[in-house]
C-alpha atoms as a PDB file:
ATOM      1  CA  UNK A   1      34.007   7.320   0.089  1.00  0.00           C
ATOM      2  CA  UNK A   2      36.309   4.766  -1.512  1.00  0.00           C
ATOM      3  CA  UNK A   3      34.935   2.093  -3.806  1.00  0.00           C
ATOM      4  CA  UNK A   4      34.491  -1.603  -3.182  1.00  0.00           C
ATOM      5  CA  UNK A   5      37.884  -3.071  -4.056  1.00  0.00           C
ATOM      6  CA  UNK A   6      38.972  -6.557  -4.954  1.00  0.00           C
ATOM      7  CA  UNK A   7      35.510  -8.113  -4.634  1.00  0.00           C
ATOM      8  CA  UNK A   8      35.635 -11.821  -5.477  1.00  0.00           C
ATOM      9  CA  UNK A   9      32.084 -12.865  -4.637  1.00  0.00           C
ATOM     10  CA  UNK A  10      29.211 -10.410  -4.873  1.00  0.00           C
ATOM     11  CA  UNK A  11      25.842 -11.304  -3.383  1.00  0.00           C
ATOM     12  CA  UNK A  12      22.939  -9.264  -4.762  1.00  0.00           C
ATOM     13  CA  UNK A  13      19.880  -9.029  -2.547  1.00  0.00           C
ATOM     14  CA  UNK A  14      17.066  -8.840  -5.081  1.00  0.00           C
ATOM     15  CA  UNK A  15      13.777  -7.000  -4.545  1.00  0.00           C
ATOM     16  CA  UNK A  16      10.781  -8.793  -3.056  1.00  0.00           C
ATOM     17  CA  UNK A  17       8.428  -8.300  -6.017  1.00  0.00           C
ATOM     18  CA  UNK A  18       8.383  -9.664  -9.555  1.00  0.00           C
ATOM     19  CA  UNK A  19       8.186  -6.264 -11.276  1.00  0.00           C
ATOM     20  CA  UNK A  20      11.069  -4.851  -9.266  1.00  0.00           C
ATOM     21  CA  UNK A  21      13.110  -7.987  -9.993  1.00  0.00           C
ATOM     22  CA  UNK A  22      12.543  -7.508 -13.725  1.00  0.00           C
ATOM     23  CA  UNK A  23      13.497  -3.836 -13.390  1.00  0.00           C
ATOM     24  CA  UNK A  24      16.754  -5.022 -11.786  1.00  0.00           C
ATOM     25  CA  UNK A  25      17.848  -6.813 -14.979  1.00  0.00           C
ATOM     26  CA  UNK A  26      19.846  -3.834 -16.344  1.00  0.00           C
ATOM     27  CA  UNK A  27      21.899  -3.538 -13.156  1.00  0.00           C
ATOM     28  CA  UNK A  28      22.402  -7.315 -13.072  1.00  0.00           C
ATOM     29  CA  UNK A  29      23.634  -7.385 -16.684  1.00  0.00           C
ATOM     30  CA  UNK A  30      25.986  -4.489 -15.923  1.00  0.00           C
ATOM     31  CA  UNK A  31      27.364  -6.378 -12.924  1.00  0.00           C
ATOM     32  CA  UNK A  32      27.862  -9.541 -14.946  1.00  0.00           C
ATOM     33  CA  UNK A  33      29.822  -7.612 -17.572  1.00  0.00           C
ATOM     34  CA  UNK A  34      31.755  -5.393 -15.173  1.00  0.00           C
ATOM     35  CA  UNK A  35      32.704  -8.176 -12.750  1.00  0.00           C
ATOM     36  CA  UNK A  36      33.675 -10.683 -15.429  1.00  0.00           C
ATOM     37  CA  UNK A  37      35.380 -13.652 -13.811  1.00  0.00           C
ATOM     38  CA  UNK A  38      34.076 -12.902 -10.323  1.00  0.00           C
ATOM     39  CA  UNK A  39      31.296 -14.891  -8.689  1.00  0.00           C
ATOM     40  CA  UNK A  40      27.798 -13.381  -8.460  1.00  0.00           C
ATOM     41  CA  UNK A  41      24.973 -14.911  -6.400  1.00  0.00           C
ATOM     42  CA  UNK A  42      21.406 -13.605  -6.470  1.00  0.00           C
ATOM     43  CA  UNK A  43      19.230 -13.904  -3.368  1.00  0.00           C
ATOM     44  CA  UNK A  44      15.530 -13.069  -3.474  1.00  0.00           C
ATOM     45  CA  UNK A  45      11.999 -14.500  -3.629  1.00  0.00           C
ATOM     46  CA  UNK A  46      12.060 -14.395  -7.454  1.00  0.00           C
ATOM     47  CA  UNK A  47      15.741 -15.348  -7.902  1.00  0.00           C
ATOM     48  CA  UNK A  48      15.015 -18.832  -9.383  1.00  0.00           C
ATOM     49  CA  UNK A  49      13.146 -17.192 -12.279  1.00  0.00           C
ATOM     50  CA  UNK A  50      16.454 -15.622 -13.410  1.00  0.00           C
ATOM     51  CA  UNK A  51      18.414 -18.884 -13.656  1.00  0.00           C
ATOM     52  CA  UNK A  52      18.393 -18.877 -17.461  1.00  0.00           C
ATOM     53  CA  UNK A  53      19.244 -15.187 -17.884  1.00  0.00           C
ATOM     54  CA  UNK A  54      23.031 -15.469 -17.680  1.00  0.00           C
ATOM     55  CA  UNK A  55      23.368 -12.772 -15.016  1.00  0.00           C
ATOM     56  CA  UNK A  56      24.684 -14.850 -12.101  1.00  0.00           C
ATOM     57  CA  UNK A  57      26.519 -17.990 -11.062  1.00  0.00           C
ATOM     58  CA  UNK A  58      23.904 -18.896  -8.478  1.00  0.00           C
ATOM     59  CA  UNK A  59      20.276 -18.041  -7.711  1.00  0.00           C
ATOM     60  CA  UNK A  60      19.011 -18.642  -4.177  1.00  0.00           C
ATOM     61  CA  UNK A  61      15.323 -18.474  -3.293  1.00  0.00           C
ATOM     62  CA  UNK A  62      14.832 -16.216  -0.285  1.00  0.00           C
ATOM     63  CA  UNK A  63      11.839 -16.990   1.952  1.00  0.00           C
ATOM     64  CA  UNK A  64       9.225 -14.482   3.004  1.00  0.00           C
ATOM     65  CA  UNK A  65       8.675 -13.841   6.681  1.00  0.00           C
ATOM     66  CA  UNK A  66      11.146 -12.734   9.363  1.00  0.00           C
ATOM     67  CA  UNK A  67      11.508 -16.109  11.090  1.00  0.00           C
ATOM     68  CA  UNK A  68      12.218 -18.001   7.886  1.00  0.00           C
ATOM     69  CA  UNK A  69      14.734 -15.375   6.790  1.00  0.00           C
ATOM     70  CA  UNK A  70      16.508 -15.525  10.128  1.00  0.00           C
ATOM     71  CA  UNK A  71      16.692 -19.309   9.834  1.00  0.00           C
ATOM     72  CA  UNK A  72      18.186 -18.932   6.341  1.00  0.00           C
ATOM     73  CA  UNK A  73      20.943 -16.582   7.525  1.00  0.00           C
ATOM     74  CA  UNK A  74      23.400 -19.325   8.487  1.00  0.00           C
ATOM     75  CA  UNK A  75      23.221 -20.970   5.070  1.00  0.00           C
ATOM     76  CA  UNK A  76      23.625 -17.622   3.314  1.00  0.00           C
ATOM     77  CA  UNK A  77      26.639 -16.835   5.479  1.00  0.00           C
ATOM     78  CA  UNK A  78      28.238 -20.042   4.211  1.00  0.00           C
ATOM     79  CA  UNK A  79      28.068 -18.619   0.678  1.00  0.00           C
ATOM     80  CA  UNK A  80      31.133 -16.582   1.615  1.00  0.00           C
ATOM     81  CA  UNK A  81      30.135 -13.392  -0.150  1.00  0.00           C
ATOM     82  CA  UNK A  82      32.607 -10.608   0.558  1.00  0.00           C
ATOM     83  CA  UNK A  83      30.251  -7.884  -0.747  1.00  0.00           C
ATOM     84  CA  UNK A  84      26.483  -7.463  -0.786  1.00  0.00           C
ATOM     85  CA  UNK A  85      24.605  -5.077  -3.067  1.00  0.00           C
ATOM     86  CA  UNK A  86      21.205  -4.213  -1.610  1.00  0.00           C
ATOM     87  CA  UNK A  87      18.457  -3.413  -4.084  1.00  0.00           C
ATOM     88  CA  UNK A  88      15.649  -3.185  -1.470  1.00  0.00           C
ATOM     89  CA  UNK A  89      15.725  -0.072   0.686  1.00  0.00           C
ATOM     90  CA  UNK A  90      14.631  -1.772   3.916  1.00  0.00           C
ATOM     91  CA  UNK A  91      16.552  -2.019   7.169  1.00  0.00           C
ATOM     92  CA  UNK A  92      15.747  -5.755   7.173  1.00  0.00           C
ATOM     93  CA  UNK A  93      17.851  -6.300   4.049  1.00  0.00           C
ATOM     94  CA  UNK A  94      20.799  -4.445   5.603  1.00  0.00           C
ATOM     95  CA  UNK A  95      20.569  -6.420   8.857  1.00  0.00           C
ATOM     96  CA  UNK A  96      20.450  -9.634   6.839  1.00  0.00           C
ATOM     97  CA  UNK A  97      23.560  -8.654   4.844  1.00  0.00           C
ATOM     98  CA  UNK A  98      25.359  -7.976   8.133  1.00  0.00           C
ATOM     99  CA  UNK A  99      24.355 -11.442   9.383  1.00  0.00           C
ATOM    100  CA  UNK A 100      25.683 -12.955   6.151  1.00  0.00           C
ATOM    101  CA  UNK A 101      29.147 -11.717   7.112  1.00  0.00           C
ATOM    102  CA  UNK A 102      29.836  -9.448   4.147  1.00  0.00           C
ATOM    103  CA  UNK A 103      32.861  -7.166   4.344  1.00  0.00           C
ATOM    104  CA  UNK A 104      31.234  -4.531   2.152  1.00  0.00           C
ATOM    105  CA  UNK A 105      27.529  -3.647   2.058  1.00  0.00           C
ATOM    106  CA  UNK A 106      26.362  -1.216  -0.638  1.00  0.00           C
ATOM    107  CA  UNK A 107      22.941   0.415  -0.666  1.00  0.00           C
ATOM    108  CA  UNK A 108      20.952   3.586  -0.279  1.00  0.00           C
ATOM    109  CA  UNK A 109      20.960   5.184   3.178  1.00  0.00           C
ATOM    110  CA  UNK A 110      17.232   4.801   3.811  1.00  0.00           C
ATOM    111  CA  UNK A 111      15.047   3.412   6.594  1.00  0.00           C
ATOM    112  CA  UNK A 112      17.618   4.351   9.256  1.00  0.00           C
ATOM    113  CA  UNK A 113      20.126   1.770   8.073  1.00  0.00           C
ATOM    114  CA  UNK A 114      23.038   4.018   7.064  1.00  0.00           C
ATOM    115  CA  UNK A 115      25.374   2.783   9.807  1.00  0.00           C
ATOM    116  CA  UNK A 116      24.958  -0.812   8.671  1.00  0.00           C
ATOM    117  CA  UNK A 117      26.307   0.017   5.205  1.00  0.00           C
ATOM    118  CA  UNK A 118      29.974   0.271   4.299  1.00  0.00           C
ATOM    119  CA  UNK A 119      28.935   2.321   1.264  1.00  0.00           C
ATOM    120  CA  UNK A 120      25.823   4.349   2.093  1.00  0.00           C
ATOM    121  CA  UNK A 121      24.603   6.279  -0.933  1.00  0.00           C
ATOM    122  CA  UNK A 122      22.234   9.214  -0.648  1.00  0.00           C
ATOM    123  CA  UNK A 123      18.874   8.329  -2.215  1.00  0.00           C
ATOM    124  CA  UNK A 124      18.097  10.422  -5.308  1.00  0.00           C
ATOM    125  CA  UNK A 125      15.964  13.539  -4.854  1.00  0.00           C
ATOM    126  CA  UNK A 126      13.600  13.760  -6.603  1.00  0.00           C
ATOM    127  CA  UNK A 127      12.940  10.054  -6.992  1.00  0.00           C
ATOM    128  CA  UNK A 128      13.878   8.502 -10.329  1.00  0.00           C
ATOM    129  CA  UNK A 129      12.518   5.550 -12.256  1.00  0.00           C
ATOM    130  CA  UNK A 130      13.216   2.336 -10.356  1.00  0.00           C
ATOM    131  CA  UNK A 131      15.516   1.029 -13.106  1.00  0.00           C
ATOM    132  CA  UNK A 132      17.649   4.164 -12.856  1.00  0.00           C
ATOM    133  CA  UNK A 133      17.751   4.055  -9.062  1.00  0.00           C
ATOM    134  CA  UNK A 134      19.102   0.508  -9.193  1.00  0.00           C
ATOM    135  CA  UNK A 135      21.728   1.568 -11.741  1.00  0.00           C
ATOM    136  CA  UNK A 136      22.728   4.388  -9.392  1.00  0.00           C
ATOM    137  CA  UNK A 137      24.117   1.777  -6.991  1.00  0.00           C
ATOM    138  CA  UNK A 138      26.878   0.735  -9.398  1.00  0.00           C
ATOM    139  CA  UNK A 139      29.214   3.638  -8.561  1.00  0.00           C
ATOM    140  CA  UNK A 140      31.066   2.045  -5.617  1.00  0.00           C
ATOM    141  CA  UNK A 141      31.742  -1.019  -7.780  1.00  0.00           C
ATOM    142  CA  UNK A 142      33.339   1.090 -10.502  1.00  0.00           C
ATOM    143  CA  UNK A 143      30.815   0.070 -13.172  1.00  0.00           C
ATOM    144  CA  UNK A 144      29.036   2.407 -15.581  1.00  0.00           C
ATOM    145  CA  UNK A 145      27.606   2.541 -19.101  1.00  0.00           C
ATOM    146  CA  UNK A 146      24.711   0.187 -18.411  1.00  0.00           C
ATOM    147  CA  UNK A 147      21.707  -0.330 -20.688  1.00  0.00           C
ATOM    148  CA  UNK A 148      18.567   1.096 -19.066  1.00  0.00           C
ATOM    149  CA  UNK A 149      15.880  -1.185 -20.557  1.00  0.00           C
ATOM    150  CA  UNK A 150      15.171  -4.647 -19.094  1.00  0.00           C
ATOM    151  CA  UNK A 151      15.608  -7.472 -21.621  1.00  0.00           C
ATOM    152  CA  UNK A 152      14.490 -11.059 -21.094  1.00  0.00           C
ATOM    153  CA  UNK A 153      16.521 -13.647 -22.992  1.00  0.00           C
ATOM    154  CA  UNK A 154      14.603 -16.553 -24.618  1.00  0.00           C
ATOM    155  CA  UNK A 155      15.085 -19.756 -22.655  1.00  0.00           C
ATOM    156  CA  UNK A 156      14.537 -22.473 -25.257  1.00  0.00           C
ATOM    157  CA  UNK A 157      11.750 -25.025 -25.576  1.00  0.00           C
ATOM    158  CA  UNK A 158      11.872 -26.726 -22.164  1.00  0.00           C
ATOM    159  CA  UNK A 159       8.319 -25.660 -21.231  1.00  0.00           C
ATOM    160  CA  UNK A 160       6.709 -26.004 -24.657  1.00  0.00           C
ATOM    161  CA  UNK A 161       4.544 -29.006 -23.776  1.00  0.00           C
ATOM    162  CA  UNK A 162       3.083 -27.310 -20.705  1.00  0.00           C
ATOM    163  CA  UNK A 163       2.581 -24.048 -22.603  1.00  0.00           C
ATOM    164  CA  UNK A 164       0.862 -25.845 -25.461  1.00  0.00           C
ATOM    165  CA  UNK A 165      -1.596 -27.320 -22.957  1.00  0.00           C
ATOM    166  CA  UNK A 166      -2.439 -23.802 -21.766  1.00  0.00           C
ATOM    167  CA  UNK A 167      -2.440 -21.960 -25.111  1.00  0.00           C
ATOM    168  CA  UNK A 168      -2.494 -24.243 -28.146  1.00  0.00           C
ATOM    169  CA  UNK A 169      -0.653 -22.938 -31.187  1.00  0.00           C
ATOM    170  CA  UNK A 170      -3.584 -23.789 -33.484  1.00  0.00           C
ATOM    171  CA  UNK A 171      -7.373 -23.548 -33.402  1.00  0.00           C
ATOM    172  CA  UNK A 172      -9.899 -20.776 -33.036  1.00  0.00           C
ATOM    173  CA  UNK A 173      -8.322 -19.390 -29.856  1.00  0.00           C
ATOM    174  CA  UNK A 174      -4.803 -19.258 -31.230  1.00  0.00           C
ATOM    175  CA  UNK A 175      -4.179 -15.664 -32.422  1.00  0.00           C
ATOM    176  CA  UNK A 176      -4.243 -12.688 -32.183  1.00  0.00           C
ATOM    177  CA  UNK A 177      -4.331 -13.073 -28.389  1.00  0.00           C
ATOM    178  CA  UNK A 178      -4.666 -10.153 -26.002  1.00  0.00           C
ATOM    179  CA  UNK A 179      -3.716 -10.944 -22.439  1.00  0.00           C
ATOM    180  CA  UNK A 180      -5.543  -9.118 -19.651  1.00  0.00           C
ATOM    181  CA  UNK A 181      -3.910  -9.413 -16.252  1.00  0.00           C
ATOM    182  CA  UNK A 182      -6.490  -9.005 -13.510  1.00  0.00           C
ATOM    183  CA  UNK A 183      -4.513  -8.560 -10.315  1.00  0.00           C
ATOM    184  CA  UNK A 184      -1.921  -6.466  -8.515  1.00  0.00           C
ATOM    185  CA  UNK A 185      -0.191  -7.510  -5.301  1.00  0.00           C
ATOM    186  CA  UNK A 186      -0.026  -3.911  -4.042  1.00  0.00           C
ATOM    187  CA  UNK A 187      -3.745  -3.734  -3.309  1.00  0.00           C
ATOM    188  CA  UNK A 188      -7.176  -3.147  -4.856  1.00  0.00           C
ATOM    189  CA  UNK A 189      -6.475   0.537  -5.555  1.00  0.00           C
ATOM    190  CA  UNK A 190      -4.515  -0.494  -8.664  1.00  0.00           C
ATOM    191  CA  UNK A 191      -7.312  -2.590 -10.148  1.00  0.00           C
ATOM    192  CA  UNK A 192      -9.389  -1.631 -13.184  1.00  0.00           C
ATOM    193  CA  UNK A 193     -13.072  -2.398 -12.447  1.00  0.00           C
ATOM    194  CA  UNK A 194     -14.244  -5.842 -13.538  1.00  0.00           C
ATOM    195  CA  UNK A 195     -17.216  -4.466 -15.500  1.00  0.00           C
ATOM    196  CA  UNK A 196     -14.835  -2.416 -17.654  1.00  0.00           C
ATOM    197  CA  UNK A 197     -12.630  -5.454 -18.235  1.00  0.00           C
ATOM    198  CA  UNK A 198     -15.713  -7.392 -19.337  1.00  0.00           C
ATOM    199  CA  UNK A 199     -16.600  -4.550 -21.704  1.00  0.00           C
ATOM    200  CA  UNK A 200     -13.076  -4.625 -23.162  1.00  0.00           C
ATOM    201  CA  UNK A 201     -13.357  -8.391 -23.689  1.00  0.00           C
ATOM    202  CA  UNK A 202     -16.592  -7.962 -25.645  1.00  0.00           C
ATOM    203  CA  UNK A 203     -15.041  -5.264 -27.847  1.00  0.00           C
ATOM    204  CA  UNK A 204     -11.963  -7.394 -28.500  1.00  0.00           C
ATOM    205  CA  UNK A 205     -14.093 -10.351 -29.558  1.00  0.00           C
ATOM    206  CA  UNK A 206     -16.078  -8.154 -31.955  1.00  0.00           C
ATOM    207  CA  UNK A 207     -12.763  -7.372 -33.654  1.00  0.00           C
ATOM    208  CA  UNK A 208     -11.830 -11.083 -33.878  1.00  0.00           C
ATOM    209  CA  UNK A 209      -9.229 -10.714 -31.132  1.00  0.00           C
ATOM    210  CA  UNK A 210      -8.996 -13.327 -28.372  1.00  0.00           C
ATOM    211  CA  UNK A 211      -9.068 -12.049 -24.766  1.00  0.00           C
ATOM    212  CA  UNK A 212      -6.921 -14.197 -22.451  1.00  0.00           C
ATOM    213  CA  UNK A 213      -7.447 -13.608 -18.734  1.00  0.00           C
ATOM    214  CA  UNK A 214      -4.365 -14.000 -16.522  1.00  0.00           C
ATOM    215  CA  UNK A 215      -3.961 -13.901 -12.765  1.00  0.00           C
ATOM    216  CA  UNK A 216      -3.357 -15.825  -9.582  1.00  0.00           C
ATOM    217  CA  UNK A 217      -5.881 -18.104  -7.858  1.00  0.00           C
ATOM    218  CA  UNK A 218      -6.943 -15.113  -5.748  1.00  0.00           C
ATOM    219  CA  UNK A 219      -8.430 -13.552  -8.911  1.00  0.00           C
ATOM    220  CA  UNK A 220     -10.549 -16.591  -9.855  1.00  0.00           C
ATOM    221  CA  UNK A 221     -13.791 -15.069  -8.528  1.00  0.00           C
ATOM    222  CA  UNK A 222     -13.232 -11.928 -10.619  1.00  0.00           C
ATOM    223  CA  UNK A 223     -12.332 -14.049 -13.654  1.00  0.00           C
ATOM    224  CA  UNK A 224     -15.458 -16.197 -13.283  1.00  0.00           C
ATOM    225  CA  UNK A 225     -17.607 -13.067 -13.175  1.00  0.00           C
ATOM    226  CA  UNK A 226     -15.985 -11.708 -16.351  1.00  0.00           C
ATOM    227  CA  UNK A 227     -16.435 -15.047 -18.127  1.00  0.00           C
ATOM    228  CA  UNK A 228     -20.114 -15.084 -17.149  1.00  0.00           C
ATOM    229  CA  UNK A 229     -20.602 -11.448 -18.206  1.00  0.00           C
ATOM    230  CA  UNK A 230     -19.162 -12.160 -21.661  1.00  0.00           C
ATOM    231  CA  UNK A 231     -21.082 -15.374 -22.275  1.00  0.00           C
ATOM    232  CA  UNK A 232     -17.932 -17.461 -21.884  1.00  0.00           C
ATOM    233  CA  UNK A 233     -16.374 -15.906 -24.971  1.00  0.00           C
ATOM    234  CA  UNK A 234     -12.917 -15.514 -23.402  1.00  0.00           C
ATOM    235  CA  UNK A 235      -9.995 -17.766 -22.500  1.00  0.00           C
ATOM    236  CA  UNK A 236      -9.246 -17.805 -18.765  1.00  0.00           C
ATOM    237  CA  UNK A 237      -5.873 -19.058 -17.532  1.00  0.00           C
ATOM    238  CA  UNK A 238      -6.352 -17.515 -14.093  1.00  0.00           C
ATOM    239  CA  UNK A 239      -4.737 -19.736 -11.476  1.00  0.00           C
ATOM    240  CA  UNK A 240      -3.522 -22.222 -14.078  1.00  0.00           C
ATOM    241  CA  UNK A 241      -0.021 -20.984 -14.885  1.00  0.00           C
ATOM    242  CA  UNK A 242       3.163 -21.105 -12.802  1.00  0.00           C
ATOM    243  CA  UNK A 243       6.062 -18.659 -12.303  1.00  0.00           C
ATOM    244  CA  UNK A 244       8.417 -20.649 -14.507  1.00  0.00           C
ATOM    245  CA  UNK A 245       5.837 -20.587 -17.320  1.00  0.00           C
ATOM    246  CA  UNK A 246       5.208 -16.838 -17.238  1.00  0.00           C
ATOM    247  CA  UNK A 247       7.923 -15.688 -19.692  1.00  0.00           C
ATOM    248  CA  UNK A 248       6.963 -18.287 -22.305  1.00  0.00           C
ATOM    249  CA  UNK A 249       3.251 -17.717 -21.766  1.00  0.00           C
ATOM    250  CA  UNK A 250       3.581 -13.962 -22.203  1.00  0.00           C
ATOM    251  CA  UNK A 251       5.687 -14.464 -25.333  1.00  0.00           C
ATOM    252  CA  UNK A 252       2.707 -16.278 -26.902  1.00  0.00           C
ATOM    253  CA  UNK A 253       0.535 -13.185 -26.578  1.00  0.00           C
ATOM    254  CA  UNK A 254       0.247 -10.416 -29.155  1.00  0.00           C
ATOM    255  CA  UNK A 255      -0.316  -7.723 -26.522  1.00  0.00           C
ATOM    256  CA  UNK A 256      -0.983  -7.401 -22.816  1.00  0.00           C
ATOM    257  CA  UNK A 257      -3.316  -5.097 -20.903  1.00  0.00           C
ATOM    258  CA  UNK A 258      -2.254  -4.825 -17.285  1.00  0.00           C
ATOM    259  CA  UNK A 259      -2.383  -2.643 -14.244  1.00  0.00           C
ATOM    260  CA  UNK A 260       0.850  -1.506 -12.572  1.00  0.00           C
ATOM    261  CA  UNK A 261       2.108  -4.980 -11.686  1.00  0.00           C
ATOM    262  CA  UNK A 262       5.060  -7.299 -12.199  1.00  0.00           C
ATOM    263  CA  UNK A 263       3.583  -9.214 -15.125  1.00  0.00           C
ATOM    264  CA  UNK A 264       3.515  -5.983 -17.165  1.00  0.00           C
ATOM    265  CA  UNK A 265       7.261  -5.510 -16.602  1.00  0.00           C
ATOM    266  CA  UNK A 266       8.009  -9.113 -17.533  1.00  0.00           C
ATOM    267  CA  UNK A 267       5.903  -8.861 -20.707  1.00  0.00           C
ATOM    268  CA  UNK A 268       7.711  -5.690 -21.783  1.00  0.00           C
ATOM    269  CA  UNK A 269      11.089  -7.347 -21.138  1.00  0.00           C
ATOM    270  CA  UNK A 270      10.014 -10.361 -23.216  1.00  0.00           C
ATOM    271  CA  UNK A 271       9.136  -7.971 -26.053  1.00  0.00           C
ATOM    272  CA  UNK A 272       5.339  -8.106 -25.909  1.00  0.00           C
ATOM    273  CA  UNK A 273       3.474  -4.795 -26.457  1.00  0.00           C
ATOM    274  CA  UNK A 274       2.004  -3.619 -23.163  1.00  0.00           C
ATOM    275  CA  UNK A 275      -0.865  -1.256 -22.398  1.00  0.00           C
ATOM    276  CA  UNK A 276      -0.304  -0.337 -18.747  1.00  0.00           C
ATOM    277  CA  UNK A 277      -3.141   1.223 -16.739  1.00  0.00           C
ATOM    278  CA  UNK A 278      -1.989   3.489 -13.914  1.00  0.00           C
ATOM    279  CA  UNK A 279      -3.968   5.139 -11.154  1.00  0.00           C
ATOM    280  CA  UNK A 280      -2.654   5.451  -7.580  1.00  0.00           C
ATOM    281  CA  UNK A 281       1.009   5.075  -8.543  1.00  0.00           C
ATOM    282  CA  UNK A 282       3.343   7.190 -10.662  1.00  0.00           C
ATOM    283  CA  UNK A 283       4.339   5.820 -14.109  1.00  0.00           C
ATOM    284  CA  UNK A 284       7.393   8.085 -13.994  1.00  0.00           C
ATOM    285  CA  UNK A 285       8.741   5.784 -11.285  1.00  0.00           C
ATOM    286  CA  UNK A 286       7.520   2.324 -12.259  1.00  0.00           C
ATOM    287  CA  UNK A 287       6.127   2.224 -15.820  1.00  0.00           C
ATOM    288  CA  UNK A 288       7.316  -0.794 -17.825  1.00  0.00           C
ATOM    289  CA  UNK A 289      10.192   0.132 -20.109  1.00  0.00           C
ATOM    290  CA  UNK A 290      10.101  -1.045 -23.691  1.00  0.00           C
ATOM    291  CA  UNK A 291       9.501   0.281 -27.179  1.00  0.00           C
ATOM    292  CA  UNK A 292       6.071  -1.372 -27.309  1.00  0.00           C
ATOM    293  CA  UNK A 293       4.691   0.072 -24.070  1.00  0.00           C
ATOM    294  CA  UNK A 294       1.769   2.500 -23.812  1.00  0.00           C
ATOM    295  CA  UNK A 295       0.764   4.030 -20.489  1.00  0.00           C
ATOM    296  CA  UNK A 296      -2.748   5.288 -19.752  1.00  0.00           C
ATOM    297  CA  UNK A 297      -2.885   7.508 -16.676  1.00  0.00           C
ATOM    298  CA  UNK A 298      -5.672  10.006 -16.039  1.00  0.00           C
ATOM    299  CA  UNK A 299      -4.796  11.236 -12.564  1.00  0.00           C
ATOM    300  CA  UNK A 300      -7.309  13.180 -10.514  1.00  0.00           C
ATOM    301  CA  UNK A 301      -5.908  15.706  -8.000  1.00  0.00           C
ATOM    302  CA  UNK A 302      -5.428  12.945  -5.388  1.00  0.00           C
ATOM    303  CA  UNK A 303      -3.183  10.809  -7.617  1.00  0.00           C
ATOM    304  CA  UNK A 304      -0.562   9.492  -7.126  1.00  0.00           C
ATOM    305  CA  UNK A 305      -1.581   8.657  -3.569  1.00  0.00           C
ATOM    306  CA  UNK A 306       0.313   5.336  -3.294  1.00  0.00           C
ATOM    307  CA  UNK A 307      -2.468   3.963  -1.093  1.00  0.00           C
ATOM    308  CA  UNK A 308      -3.236   0.237  -1.401  1.00  0.00           C
ATOM    309  CA  UNK A 309      -6.950   0.893  -0.927  1.00  0.00           C
ATOM    310  CA  UNK A 310      -8.885   3.870  -2.263  1.00  0.00           C
ATOM    311  CA  UNK A 311     -10.779   5.701   0.513  1.00  0.00           C
ATOM    312  CA  UNK A 312     -13.197   7.326  -1.957  1.00  0.00           C
ATOM    313  CA  UNK A 313     -14.687   6.083  -5.248  1.00  0.00           C
ATOM    314  CA  UNK A 314     -11.562   5.041  -7.172  1.00  0.00           C
ATOM    315  CA  UNK A 315     -11.693   7.967  -9.629  1.00  0.00           C
ATOM    316  CA  UNK A 316      -8.221   7.349 -11.079  1.00  0.00           C
ATOM    317  CA  UNK A 317      -8.987   3.876 -12.418  1.00  0.00           C
ATOM    318  CA  UNK A 318     -12.637   4.495 -13.256  1.00  0.00           C
ATOM    319  CA  UNK A 319     -11.580   7.414 -15.436  1.00  0.00           C
ATOM    320  CA  UNK A 320      -9.927   4.985 -17.872  1.00  0.00           C
ATOM    321  CA  UNK A 321     -12.486   4.024 -20.506  1.00  0.00           C
ATOM    322  CA  UNK A 322     -12.860   0.859 -22.556  1.00  0.00           C
ATOM    323  CA  UNK A 323     -12.577   2.802 -25.818  1.00  0.00           C
ATOM    324  CA  UNK A 324      -9.162   4.296 -25.054  1.00  0.00           C
ATOM    325  CA  UNK A 325      -7.752   0.974 -23.855  1.00  0.00           C
ATOM    326  CA  UNK A 326      -9.070  -0.677 -27.023  1.00  0.00           C
ATOM    327  CA  UNK A 327      -7.530   2.078 -29.164  1.00  0.00           C
ATOM    328  CA  UNK A 328      -4.177   1.628 -27.411  1.00  0.00           C
ATOM    329  CA  UNK A 329      -4.278  -2.130 -27.989  1.00  0.00           C
ATOM    330  CA  UNK A 330      -5.064  -1.671 -31.680  1.00  0.00           C
ATOM    331  CA  UNK A 331      -2.264   0.896 -31.994  1.00  0.00           C
ATOM    332  CA  UNK A 332       0.217  -1.501 -30.381  1.00  0.00           C
ATOM    333  CA  UNK A 333      -0.882  -4.324 -32.701  1.00  0.00           C
ATOM    334  CA  UNK A 334      -0.567  -2.016 -35.717  1.00  0.00           C
ATOM    335  CA  UNK A 335       2.916  -0.893 -34.680  1.00  0.00           C
ATOM    336  CA  UNK A 336       4.011  -4.483 -34.187  1.00  0.00           C
ATOM    337  CA  UNK A 337       2.831  -5.595 -37.626  1.00  0.00           C
ATOM    338  CA  UNK A 338       4.232  -2.550 -39.447  1.00  0.00           C
END
């Protein structure tokens, strides 16, 4: 199979999820370096978040939902991309690239879409870490030697006023701050039980550490219960941040405790120590990459099941105790200050 030759405008179809988009940063930086002087446009739900990362000439928000994506096809065709690199493995992304009028379409031959691709690569067996699978798509473009750890570049002080309103730089709740992200878009099977999170918050406060709850508005009920269970002795930002604030907000933390979710990947890329709690998914495939990352995974025989909802009693996440999460946080803080 010959390579993609003479590409002048590469369109990269980004993944649908925040964590996967962050894990795509190494392949995007490799493309920017290897295609120096050629135009690169990113298309994906989280594309606008990457505007300040220097990896593309354009970032186009891609809607969710089949009808909205079909309606967007005409505008994306006008971009004039002569090649599309598909990071998602879905047939929908390949059909969309065909509608966009690309001459070359590069991706893994999955989901029955091989005939839609000009360069159909065999998916790796066994599966590899998501970062490495994305990097495996560079071959047809003649690019190699990429860095395999996502890095998030600082974006200046544009959001400082809004961030200061959320997490003031002074006062009793200033530092050390331990973020605890409550949610996971995949489903409830990834979630650490709320009573254990409340127990962790109490232990952190006893050690003069400030628990900071993070999450979307859908986690507000859980957050309110944790606040009540701890006597209000935590900071809750659940439902109060915004996507464009996330990198700066995470950078103001001293560590983050999170389930297997996108915020953990973004925190690791920003350089914040992460304690990642895994249960139904495999950290060998999707653990955040970074020198300050610790993974706690105590899999029972049924894990990894990759089910969004646990059909039994959630043994994988309930097996993770407050004491070991606390010890991992303290170890990360100690390593950071050393």
